[in-house]
Amino acid sequence: MASILSIASSGLQAAQLRMDASAHNVANMNTPGFRRHAVSQEAVAEGAGVRATVQRQPQEGVALEQEAVEQMSATYAFKANLQTLKTQDAMMGSLLDIRA
């Protein structure tokens, strides 16, 4: 069974990759022939978090509103995974208080 730390860590890394890809798309949106990058996520076996990969989309062009939504979604993913880490820290602290 995977630890909460590894699950939250992989989620934070995936959210960072999504933010990076979206920023790359916005920075290059006026480049002729540019094809946007999208991040796909899949669950890792044994419940050890997620695996994220960047893929180039087949169609050209970038929609700014789509990138804004992607960046907001990545921000919420950061917050959710951070809350998971904070909860694990609190649980470990409580467990240590009980054992001490």
PDB file of N, CA and C in Angstrom:
ATOM      1  N   MET A   1       0.848  -1.179   0.000  1.00  0.00           N
ATOM      2  CA  MET A   1       0.000   0.000   0.000  1.00  0.00           C
ATOM      3  C   MET A   1       0.897   1.247   0.000  1.00  0.00           C
ATOM      4  N   ALA A   2       0.545   2.198  -0.819  1.00  0.00           N
ATOM      5  CA  ALA A   2       1.343   3.413  -0.962  1.00  0.00           C
ATOM      6  C   ALA A   2       1.074   4.370   0.206  1.00  0.00           C
ATOM      7  N   SER A   3       2.063   5.177   0.505  1.00  0.00           N
ATOM      8  CA  SER A   3       1.890   6.142   1.576  1.00  0.00           C
ATOM      9  C   SER A   3       1.158   7.377   1.070  1.00  0.00           C
ATOM     10  N   ILE A   4       0.521   8.062   1.980  1.00  0.00           N
ATOM     11  CA  ILE A   4      -0.184   9.296   1.631  1.00  0.00           C
ATOM     12  C   ILE A   4       0.804  10.307   1.059  1.00  0.00           C
ATOM     13  N   LEU A   5       2.016  10.311   1.585  1.00  0.00           N
ATOM     14  CA  LEU A   5       3.047  11.234   1.109  1.00  0.00           C
ATOM     15  C   LEU A   5       3.355  11.028  -0.371  1.00  0.00           C
ATOM     16  N   SER A   6       3.506   9.786  -0.801  1.00  0.00           N
ATOM     17  CA  SER A   6       3.829   9.532  -2.204  1.00  0.00           C
ATOM     18  C   SER A   6       2.651   9.857  -3.120  1.00  0.00           C
ATOM     19  N   ILE A   7       1.434   9.630  -2.656  1.00  0.00           N
ATOM     20  CA  ILE A   7       0.248   9.950  -3.453  1.00  0.00           C
ATOM     21  C   ILE A   7       0.125  11.456  -3.628  1.00  0.00           C
ATOM     22  N   ALA A   8       0.233  12.200  -2.529  1.00  0.00           N
ATOM     23  CA  ALA A   8       0.130  13.659  -2.603  1.00  0.00           C
ATOM     24  C   ALA A   8       1.291  14.252  -3.398  1.00  0.00           C
ATOM     25  N   SER A   9       2.469  13.685  -3.247  1.00  0.00           N
ATOM     26  CA  SER A   9       3.635  14.182  -3.984  1.00  0.00           C
ATOM     27  C   SER A   9       3.459  14.012  -5.486  1.00  0.00           C
ATOM     28  N   SER A  10       2.965  12.873  -5.907  1.00  0.00           N
ATOM     29  CA  SER A  10       2.744  12.665  -7.337  1.00  0.00           C
ATOM     30  C   SER A  10       1.647  13.596  -7.854  1.00  0.00           C
ATOM     31  N   GLY A  11       0.655  13.883  -7.028  1.00  0.00           N
ATOM     32  CA  GLY A  11      -0.386  14.832  -7.411  1.00  0.00           C
ATOM     33  C   GLY A  11       0.151  16.242  -7.563  1.00  0.00           C
ATOM     34  N   LEU A  12       1.051  16.636  -6.666  1.00  0.00           N
ATOM     35  CA  LEU A  12       1.675  17.957  -6.772  1.00  0.00           C
ATOM     36  C   LEU A  12       2.532  18.056  -8.037  1.00  0.00           C
ATOM     37  N   GLN A  13       3.261  17.003  -8.342  1.00  0.00           N
ATOM     38  CA  GLN A  13       4.089  17.003  -9.550  1.00  0.00           C
ATOM     39  C   GLN A  13       3.233  17.065 -10.814  1.00  0.00           C
ATOM     40  N   ALA A  14       2.114  16.362 -10.816  1.00  0.00           N
ATOM     41  CA  ALA A  14       1.213  16.393 -11.971  1.00  0.00           C
ATOM     42  C   ALA A  14       0.607  17.783 -12.139  1.00  0.00           C
ATOM     43  N   ALA A  15       0.218  18.414 -11.037  1.00  0.00           N
ATOM     44  CA  ALA A  15      -0.342  19.770 -11.109  1.00  0.00           C
ATOM     45  C   ALA A  15       0.704  20.757 -11.620  1.00  0.00           C
ATOM     46  N   GLN A  16       1.952  20.595 -11.201  1.00  0.00           N
ATOM     47  CA  GLN A  16       3.028  21.461 -11.690  1.00  0.00           C
ATOM     48  C   GLN A  16       3.235  21.275 -13.193  1.00  0.00           C
ATOM     49  N   LEU A  17       3.193  20.044 -13.647  1.00  0.00           N
ATOM     50  CA  LEU A  17       3.344  19.767 -15.071  1.00  0.00           C
ATOM     51  C   LEU A  17       2.199  20.385 -15.874  1.00  0.00           C
ATOM     52  N   ARG A  18       0.983  20.322 -15.337  1.00  0.00           N
ATOM     53  CA  ARG A  18      -0.165  20.941 -16.005  1.00  0.00           C
ATOM     54  C   ARG A  18       0.005  22.453 -16.085  1.00  0.00           C
ATOM     55  N   MET A  19       0.478  23.057 -15.006  1.00  0.00           N
ATOM     56  CA  MET A  19       0.696  24.504 -14.995  1.00  0.00           C
ATOM     57  C   MET A  19       1.793  24.897 -15.992  1.00  0.00           C
ATOM     58  N   ASP A  20       2.874  24.125 -16.023  1.00  0.00           N
ATOM     59  CA  ASP A  20       3.968  24.397 -16.959  1.00  0.00           C
ATOM     60  C   ASP A  20       3.508  24.286 -18.408  1.00  0.00           C
ATOM     61  N   ALA A  21       2.751  23.250 -18.723  1.00  0.00           N
ATOM     62  CA  ALA A  21       2.269  23.062 -20.088  1.00  0.00           C
ATOM     63  C   ALA A  21       1.330  24.197 -20.494  1.00  0.00           C
ATOM     64  N   SER A  22       0.471  24.612 -19.593  1.00  0.00           N
ATOM     65  CA  SER A  22      -0.456  25.697 -19.900  1.00  0.00           C
ATOM     66  C   SER A  22       0.290  27.011 -20.098  1.00  0.00           C
ATOM     67  N   ALA A  23       1.280  27.285 -19.260  1.00  0.00           N
ATOM     68  CA  ALA A  23       2.085  28.496 -19.420  1.00  0.00           C
ATOM     69  C   ALA A  23       2.829  28.474 -20.756  1.00  0.00           C
ATOM     70  N   HIS A  24       3.331  27.314 -21.143  1.00  0.00           N
ATOM     71  CA  HIS A  24       4.005  27.158 -22.438  1.00  0.00           C
ATOM     72  C   HIS A  24       3.030  27.454 -23.584  1.00  0.00           C
ATOM     73  N   ASN A  25       1.805  26.975 -23.438  1.00  0.00           N
ATOM     74  CA  ASN A  25       0.796  27.212 -24.469  1.00  0.00           C
ATOM     75  C   ASN A  25       0.473  28.698 -24.612  1.00  0.00           C
ATOM     76  N   VAL A  26       0.305  29.377 -23.488  1.00  0.00           N
ATOM     77  CA  VAL A  26      -0.007  30.804 -23.524  1.00  0.00           C
ATOM     78  C   VAL A  26       1.158  31.591 -24.117  1.00  0.00           C
ATOM     79  N   ALA A  27       2.371  31.231 -23.737  1.00  0.00           N
ATOM     80  CA  ALA A  27       3.550  31.946 -24.237  1.00  0.00           C
ATOM     81  C   ALA A  27       3.726  31.785 -25.743  1.00  0.00           C
ATOM     82  N   ASN A  28       3.255  30.680 -26.293  1.00  0.00           N
ATOM     83  CA  ASN A  28       3.454  30.401 -27.719  1.00  0.00           C
ATOM     84  C   ASN A  28       2.182  30.492 -28.552  1.00  0.00           C
ATOM     85  N   MET A  29       1.124  31.051 -27.982  1.00  0.00           N
ATOM     86  CA  MET A  29      -0.159  31.038 -28.687  1.00  0.00           C
ATOM     87  C   MET A  29      -0.147  31.811 -30.004  1.00  0.00           C
ATOM     88  N   ASN A  30       0.724  32.785 -30.162  1.00  0.00           N
ATOM     89  CA  ASN A  30       0.794  33.562 -31.400  1.00  0.00           C
ATOM     90  C   ASN A  30       1.846  33.038 -32.369  1.00  0.00           C
ATOM     91  N   THR A  31       2.470  31.933 -32.058  1.00  0.00           N
ATOM     92  CA  THR A  31       3.459  31.323 -32.940  1.00  0.00           C
ATOM     93  C   THR A  31       2.732  30.565 -34.051  1.00  0.00           C
ATOM     94  N   PRO A  32       3.016  30.895 -35.305  1.00  0.00           N
ATOM     95  CA  PRO A  32       2.342  30.200 -36.413  1.00  0.00           C
ATOM     96  C   PRO A  32       2.615  28.693 -36.373  1.00  0.00           C
ATOM     97  N   GLY A  33       1.554  27.900 -36.534  1.00  0.00           N
ATOM     98  CA  GLY A  33       1.683  26.453 -36.573  1.00  0.00           C
ATOM     99  C   GLY A  33       1.863  25.786 -35.216  1.00  0.00           C
ATOM    100  N   PHE A  34       1.773  26.551 -34.140  1.00  0.00           N
ATOM    101  CA  PHE A  34       1.975  25.971 -32.808  1.00  0.00           C
ATOM    102  C   PHE A  34       0.824  25.043 -32.457  1.00  0.00           C
ATOM    103  N   ARG A  35       1.170  23.895 -31.917  1.00  0.00           N
ATOM    104  CA  ARG A  35       0.174  22.941 -31.421  1.00  0.00           C
ATOM    105  C   ARG A  35       0.299  22.877 -29.906  1.00  0.00           C
ATOM    106  N   ARG A  36      -0.818  23.047 -29.231  1.00  0.00           N
ATOM    107  CA  ARG A  36      -0.804  23.116 -27.763  1.00  0.00           C
ATOM    108  C   ARG A  36      -0.368  21.802 -27.136  1.00  0.00           C
ATOM    109  N   HIS A  37       0.180  21.917 -25.955  1.00  0.00           N
ATOM    110  CA  HIS A  37       0.560  20.756 -25.159  1.00  0.00           C
ATOM    111  C   HIS A  37      -0.542  20.500 -24.146  1.00  0.00           C
ATOM    112  N   ALA A  38      -0.853  19.250 -23.947  1.00  0.00           N
ATOM    113  CA  ALA A  38      -1.854  18.859 -22.956  1.00  0.00           C
ATOM    114  C   ALA A  38      -1.244  17.773 -22.075  1.00  0.00           C
ATOM    115  N   VAL A  39      -1.652  17.743 -20.825  1.00  0.00           N
ATOM    116  CA  VAL A  39      -1.139  16.757 -19.874  1.00  0.00           C
ATOM    117  C   VAL A  39      -2.209  15.697 -19.655  1.00  0.00           C
ATOM    118  N   SER A  40      -1.817  14.449 -19.794  1.00  0.00           N
ATOM    119  CA  SER A  40      -2.739  13.363 -19.480  1.00  0.00           C
ATOM    120  C   SER A  40      -2.249  12.685 -18.202  1.00  0.00           C
ATOM    121  N   GLN A  41      -3.191  12.315 -17.366  1.00  0.00           N
ATOM    122  CA  GLN A  41      -2.874  11.677 -16.094  1.00  0.00           C
ATOM    123  C   GLN A  41      -3.519  10.304 -16.055  1.00  0.00           C
ATOM    124  N   GLU A  42      -2.800   9.368 -15.435  1.00  0.00           N
ATOM    125  CA  GLU A  42      -3.354   8.037 -15.246  1.00  0.00           C
ATOM    126  C   GLU A  42      -2.931   7.520 -13.879  1.00  0.00           C
ATOM    127  N   ALA A  43      -3.779   6.718 -13.296  1.00  0.00           N
ATOM    128  CA  ALA A  43      -3.479   6.147 -11.987  1.00  0.00           C
ATOM    129  C   ALA A  43      -2.332   5.154 -12.106  1.00  0.00           C
ATOM    130  N   VAL A  44      -1.478   5.147 -11.096  1.00  0.00           N
ATOM    131  CA  VAL A  44      -0.361   4.204 -11.034  1.00  0.00           C
ATOM    132  C   VAL A  44      -0.839   2.971 -10.261  1.00  0.00           C
ATOM    133  N   ALA A  45      -0.385   1.815 -10.674  1.00  0.00           N
ATOM    134  CA  ALA A  45      -0.768   0.566 -10.013  1.00  0.00           C
ATOM    135  C   ALA A  45      -0.455   0.614  -8.526  1.00  0.00           C
ATOM    136  N   GLU A  46      -1.180  -0.152  -7.776  1.00  0.00           N
ATOM    137  CA  GLU A  46      -1.018  -0.240  -6.322  1.00  0.00           C
ATOM    138  C   GLU A  46      -1.429   1.042  -5.603  1.00  0.00           C
ATOM    139  N   GLY A  47      -2.173   1.919  -6.258  1.00  0.00           N
ATOM    140  CA  GLY A  47      -2.653   3.130  -5.607  1.00  0.00           C
ATOM    141  C   GLY A  47      -1.555   4.096  -5.200  1.00  0.00           C
ATOM    142  N   ALA A  48      -0.455   4.114  -5.950  1.00  0.00           N
ATOM    143  CA  ALA A  48       0.697   4.937  -5.587  1.00  0.00           C
ATOM    144  C   ALA A  48       0.643   6.339  -6.181  1.00  0.00           C
ATOM    145  N   GLY A  49      -0.527   6.813  -6.560  1.00  0.00           N
ATOM    146  CA  GLY A  49      -0.646   8.175  -7.072  1.00  0.00           C
ATOM    147  C   GLY A  49      -0.976   8.199  -8.553  1.00  0.00           C
ATOM    148  N   VAL A  50      -0.431   9.210  -9.239  1.00  0.00           N
ATOM    149  CA  VAL A  50      -0.710   9.387 -10.667  1.00  0.00           C
ATOM    150  C   VAL A  50       0.583   9.534 -11.449  1.00  0.00           C
ATOM    151  N   ARG A  51       0.476   9.230 -12.729  1.00  0.00           N
ATOM    152  CA  ARG A  51       1.578   9.449 -13.666  1.00  0.00           C
ATOM    153  C   ARG A  51       1.066  10.454 -14.682  1.00  0.00           C
ATOM    154  N   ALA A  52       1.807  11.521 -14.893  1.00  0.00           N
ATOM    155  CA  ALA A  52       1.402  12.569 -15.832  1.00  0.00           C
ATOM    156  C   ALA A  52       2.398  12.644 -16.975  1.00  0.00           C
ATOM    157  N   THR A  53       1.869  12.774 -18.189  1.00  0.00           N
ATOM    158  CA  THR A  53       2.712  12.905 -19.371  1.00  0.00           C
ATOM    159  C   THR A  53       2.193  14.042 -20.239  1.00  0.00           C
ATOM    160  N   VAL A  54       3.120  14.716 -20.906  1.00  0.00           N
ATOM    161  CA  VAL A  54       2.764  15.812 -21.803  1.00  0.00           C
ATOM    162  C   VAL A  54       2.629  15.263 -23.212  1.00  0.00           C
ATOM    163  N   GLN A  55       1.554  15.663 -23.876  1.00  0.00           N
ATOM    164  CA  GLN A  55       1.313  15.236 -25.249  1.00  0.00           C
ATOM    165  C   GLN A  55       1.010  16.450 -26.102  1.00  0.00           C
ATOM    166  N   ARG A  56       1.475  16.424 -27.331  1.00  0.00           N
ATOM    167  CA  ARG A  56       1.195  17.503 -28.275  1.00  0.00           C
ATOM    168  C   ARG A  56      -0.123  17.190 -28.974  1.00  0.00           C
ATOM    169  N   GLN A  57      -1.013  18.160 -29.013  1.00  0.00           N
ATOM    170  CA  GLN A  57      -2.320  17.975 -29.631  1.00  0.00           C
ATOM    171  C   GLN A  57      -2.218  18.019 -31.151  1.00  0.00           C
ATOM    172  N   PRO A  58      -3.088  17.306 -31.856  1.00  0.00           N
ATOM    173  CA  PRO A  58      -2.993  17.248 -33.324  1.00  0.00           C
ATOM    174  C   PRO A  58      -3.406  18.551 -34.022  1.00  0.00           C
ATOM    175  N   GLN A  59      -4.322  19.296 -33.435  1.00  0.00           N
ATOM    176  CA  GLN A  59      -4.780  20.527 -34.078  1.00  0.00           C
ATOM    177  C   GLN A  59      -3.925  21.716 -33.652  1.00  0.00           C
ATOM    178  N   GLU A  60      -3.815  22.690 -34.549  1.00  0.00           N
ATOM    179  CA  GLU A  60      -3.047  23.899 -34.255  1.00  0.00           C
ATOM    180  C   GLU A  60      -3.916  24.884 -33.481  1.00  0.00           C
ATOM    181  N   GLY A  61      -3.253  25.767 -32.750  1.00  0.00           N
ATOM    182  CA  GLY A  61      -3.950  26.848 -32.072  1.00  0.00           C
ATOM    183  C   GLY A  61      -4.145  26.607 -30.586  1.00  0.00           C
ATOM    184  N   VAL A  62      -4.332  27.734 -29.890  1.00  0.00           N
ATOM    185  CA  VAL A  62      -4.521  27.725 -28.446  1.00  0.00           C
ATOM    186  C   VAL A  62      -5.716  28.613 -28.122  1.00  0.00           C
ATOM    187  N   ALA A  63      -6.599  28.132 -27.273  1.00  0.00           N
ATOM    188  CA  ALA A  63      -7.731  28.930 -26.796  1.00  0.00           C
ATOM    189  C   ALA A  63      -7.367  29.474 -25.417  1.00  0.00           C
ATOM    190  N   LEU A  64      -7.264  30.779 -25.311  1.00  0.00           N
ATOM    191  CA  LEU A  64      -6.843  31.404 -24.054  1.00  0.00           C
ATOM    192  C   LEU A  64      -7.774  31.058 -22.902  1.00  0.00           C
ATOM    193  N   GLU A  65      -9.093  31.010 -23.166  1.00  0.00           N
ATOM    194  CA  GLU A  65     -10.038  30.683 -22.094  1.00  0.00           C
ATOM    195  C   GLU A  65      -9.848  29.247 -21.601  1.00  0.00           C
ATOM    196  N   GLN A  66      -9.490  28.337 -22.495  1.00  0.00           N
ATOM    197  CA  GLN A  66      -9.219  26.964 -22.093  1.00  0.00           C
ATOM    198  C   GLN A  66      -7.970  26.903 -21.208  1.00  0.00           C
ATOM    199  N   GLU A  67      -6.981  27.690 -21.532  1.00  0.00           N
ATOM    200  CA  GLU A  67      -5.755  27.716 -20.727  1.00  0.00           C
ATOM    201  C   GLU A  67      -6.007  28.333 -19.348  1.00  0.00           C
ATOM    202  N   ALA A  68      -6.866  29.341 -19.285  1.00  0.00           N
ATOM    203  CA  ALA A  68      -7.206  29.945 -17.988  1.00  0.00           C
ATOM    204  C   ALA A  68      -7.883  28.909 -17.091  1.00  0.00           C
ATOM    205  N   VAL A  69      -8.793  28.139 -17.664  1.00  0.00           N
ATOM    206  CA  VAL A  69      -9.471  27.087 -16.901  1.00  0.00           C
ATOM    207  C   VAL A  69      -8.469  26.017 -16.468  1.00  0.00           C
ATOM    208  N   GLU A  70      -7.555  25.656 -17.349  1.00  0.00           N
ATOM    209  CA  GLU A  70      -6.537  24.656 -17.017  1.00  0.00           C
ATOM    210  C   GLU A  70      -5.655  25.133 -15.862  1.00  0.00           C
ATOM    211  N   GLN A  71      -5.287  26.406 -15.872  1.00  0.00           N
ATOM    212  CA  GLN A  71      -4.455  26.943 -14.793  1.00  0.00           C
ATOM    213  C   GLN A  71      -5.217  26.993 -13.473  1.00  0.00           C
ATOM    214  N   MET A  72      -6.498  27.341 -13.518  1.00  0.00           N
ATOM    215  CA  MET A  72      -7.300  27.332 -12.282  1.00  0.00           C
ATOM    216  C   MET A  72      -7.443  25.906 -11.750  1.00  0.00           C
ATOM    217  N   SER A  73      -7.661  24.961 -12.644  1.00  0.00           N
ATOM    218  CA  SER A  73      -7.796  23.565 -12.243  1.00  0.00           C
ATOM    219  C   SER A  73      -6.502  23.047 -11.613  1.00  0.00           C
ATOM    220  N   ALA A  74      -5.370  23.405 -12.192  1.00  0.00           N
ATOM    221  CA  ALA A  74      -4.079  22.990 -11.630  1.00  0.00           C
ATOM    222  C   ALA A  74      -3.872  23.612 -10.247  1.00  0.00           C
ATOM    223  N   THR A  75      -4.311  24.857 -10.082  1.00  0.00           N
ATOM    224  CA  THR A  75      -4.199  25.522  -8.779  1.00  0.00           C
ATOM    225  C   THR A  75      -5.022  24.794  -7.729  1.00  0.00           C
ATOM    226  N   TYR A  76      -6.243  24.386  -8.088  1.00  0.00           N
ATOM    227  CA  TYR A  76      -7.078  23.634  -7.148  1.00  0.00           C
ATOM    228  C   TYR A  76      -6.458  22.281  -6.820  1.00  0.00           C
ATOM    229  N   ALA A  77      -5.824  21.644  -7.800  1.00  0.00           N
ATOM    230  CA  ALA A  77      -5.150  20.369  -7.551  1.00  0.00           C
ATOM    231  C   ALA A  77      -3.985  20.559  -6.572  1.00  0.00           C
ATOM    232  N   PHE A  78      -3.236  21.674  -6.733  1.00  0.00           N
ATOM    233  CA  PHE A  78      -2.166  21.989  -5.775  1.00  0.00           C
ATOM    234  C   PHE A  78      -2.734  22.091  -4.366  1.00  0.00           C
ATOM    235  N   LYS A  79      -3.814  22.863  -4.222  1.00  0.00           N
ATOM    236  CA  LYS A  79      -4.409  23.083  -2.901  1.00  0.00           C
ATOM    237  C   LYS A  79      -4.909  21.786  -2.283  1.00  0.00           C
ATOM    238  N   ALA A  80      -5.538  20.943  -3.084  1.00  0.00           N
ATOM    239  CA  ALA A  80      -6.060  19.673  -2.572  1.00  0.00           C
ATOM    240  C   ALA A  80      -4.931  18.764  -2.096  1.00  0.00           C
ATOM    241  N   ASN A  81      -3.866  18.669  -2.886  1.00  0.00           N
ATOM    242  CA  ASN A  81      -2.747  17.817  -2.487  1.00  0.00           C
ATOM    243  C   ASN A  81      -1.991  18.382  -1.299  1.00  0.00           C
ATOM    244  N   LEU A  82      -1.908  19.694  -1.210  1.00  0.00           N
ATOM    245  CA  LEU A  82      -1.282  20.312  -0.044  1.00  0.00           C
ATOM    246  C   LEU A  82      -2.095  20.019   1.217  1.00  0.00           C
ATOM    247  N   GLN A  83      -3.417  20.081   1.099  1.00  0.00           N
ATOM    248  CA  GLN A  83      -4.271  19.768   2.244  1.00  0.00           C
ATOM    249  C   GLN A  83      -4.088  18.315   2.670  1.00  0.00           C
ATOM    250  N   THR A  84      -3.891  17.439   1.712  1.00  0.00           N
ATOM    251  CA  THR A  84      -3.623  16.032   2.024  1.00  0.00           C
ATOM    252  C   THR A  84      -2.332  15.897   2.827  1.00  0.00           C
ATOM    253  N   LEU A  85      -1.294  16.626   2.421  1.00  0.00           N
ATOM    254  CA  LEU A  85      -0.028  16.590   3.167  1.00  0.00           C
ATOM    255  C   LEU A  85      -0.189  17.157   4.573  1.00  0.00           C
ATOM    256  N   LYS A  86      -0.938  18.243   4.703  1.00  0.00           N
ATOM    257  CA  LYS A  86      -1.171  18.837   6.024  1.00  0.00           C
ATOM    258  C   LYS A  86      -1.938  17.871   6.928  1.00  0.00           C
ATOM    259  N   THR A  87      -2.912  17.181   6.361  1.00  0.00           N
ATOM    260  CA  THR A  87      -3.692  16.215   7.142  1.00  0.00           C
ATOM    261  C   THR A  87      -2.816  15.062   7.591  1.00  0.00           C
ATOM    262  N   GLN A  88      -1.945  14.570   6.705  1.00  0.00           N
ATOM    263  CA  GLN A  88      -1.043  13.494   7.088  1.00  0.00           C
ATOM    264  C   GLN A  88      -0.117  13.947   8.213  1.00  0.00           C
ATOM    265  N   ASP A  89       0.385  15.176   8.106  1.00  0.00           N
ATOM    266  CA  ASP A  89       1.265  15.712   9.134  1.00  0.00           C
ATOM    267  C   ASP A  89       0.546  15.791  10.481  1.00  0.00           C
ATOM    268  N   ALA A  90      -0.689  16.248  10.464  1.00  0.00           N
ATOM    269  CA  ALA A  90      -1.469  16.338  11.702  1.00  0.00           C
ATOM    270  C   ALA A  90      -1.733  14.953  12.288  1.00  0.00           C
ATOM    271  N   MET A  91      -2.043  13.993  11.433  1.00  0.00           N
ATOM    272  CA  MET A  91      -2.283  12.624  11.902  1.00  0.00           C
ATOM    273  C   MET A  91      -1.024  12.026  12.516  1.00  0.00           C
ATOM    274  N   MET A  92       0.122  12.253  11.875  1.00  0.00           N
ATOM    275  CA  MET A  92       1.383  11.732  12.414  1.00  0.00           C
ATOM    276  C   MET A  92       1.710  12.399  13.746  1.00  0.00           C
ATOM    277  N   GLY A  93       1.438  13.700  13.853  1.00  0.00           N
ATOM    278  CA  GLY A  93       1.671  14.391  15.108  1.00  0.00           C
ATOM    279  C   GLY A  93       0.806  13.849  16.221  1.00  0.00           C
ATOM    280  N   SER A  94      -0.460  13.585  15.913  1.00  0.00           N
ATOM    281  CA  SER A  94      -1.370  13.015  16.915  1.00  0.00           C
ATOM    282  C   SER A  94      -0.927  11.614  17.321  1.00  0.00           C
ATOM    283  N   LEU A  95      -0.488  10.834  16.345  1.00  0.00           N
ATOM    284  CA  LEU A  95      -0.033   9.491  16.648  1.00  0.00           C
ATOM    285  C   LEU A  95       1.205   9.529  17.536  1.00  0.00           C
ATOM    286  N   LEU A  96       2.121  10.445  17.260  1.00  0.00           N
ATOM    287  CA  LEU A  96       3.322  10.562  18.089  1.00  0.00           C
ATOM    288  C   LEU A  96       2.974  11.037  19.498  1.00  0.00           C
ATOM    289  N   ASP A  97       1.968  11.928  19.613  1.00  0.00           N
ATOM    290  CA  ASP A  97       1.544  12.382  20.931  1.00  0.00           C
ATOM    291  C   ASP A  97       0.963  11.237  21.748  1.00  0.00           C
ATOM    292  N   ILE A  98       0.239  10.358  21.096  1.00  0.00           N
ATOM    293  CA  ILE A  98      -0.365   9.211  21.783  1.00  0.00           C
ATOM    294  C   ILE A  98       0.710   8.234  22.219  1.00  0.00           C
ATOM    295  N   ARG A  99       1.690   7.990  21.361  1.00  0.00           N
ATOM    296  CA  ARG A  99       2.742   7.023  21.652  1.00  0.00           C
ATOM    297  C   ARG A  99       3.756   7.534  22.664  1.00  0.00           C
ATOM    298  N   ALA A 100       3.879   8.866  22.799  1.00  0.00           N
ATOM    299  CA  ALA A 100       4.910   9.437  23.681  1.00  0.00           C
ATOM    300  C   ALA A 100       4.522   9.431  25.130  1.00  0.00           C
TER     301      ALA A 100
END
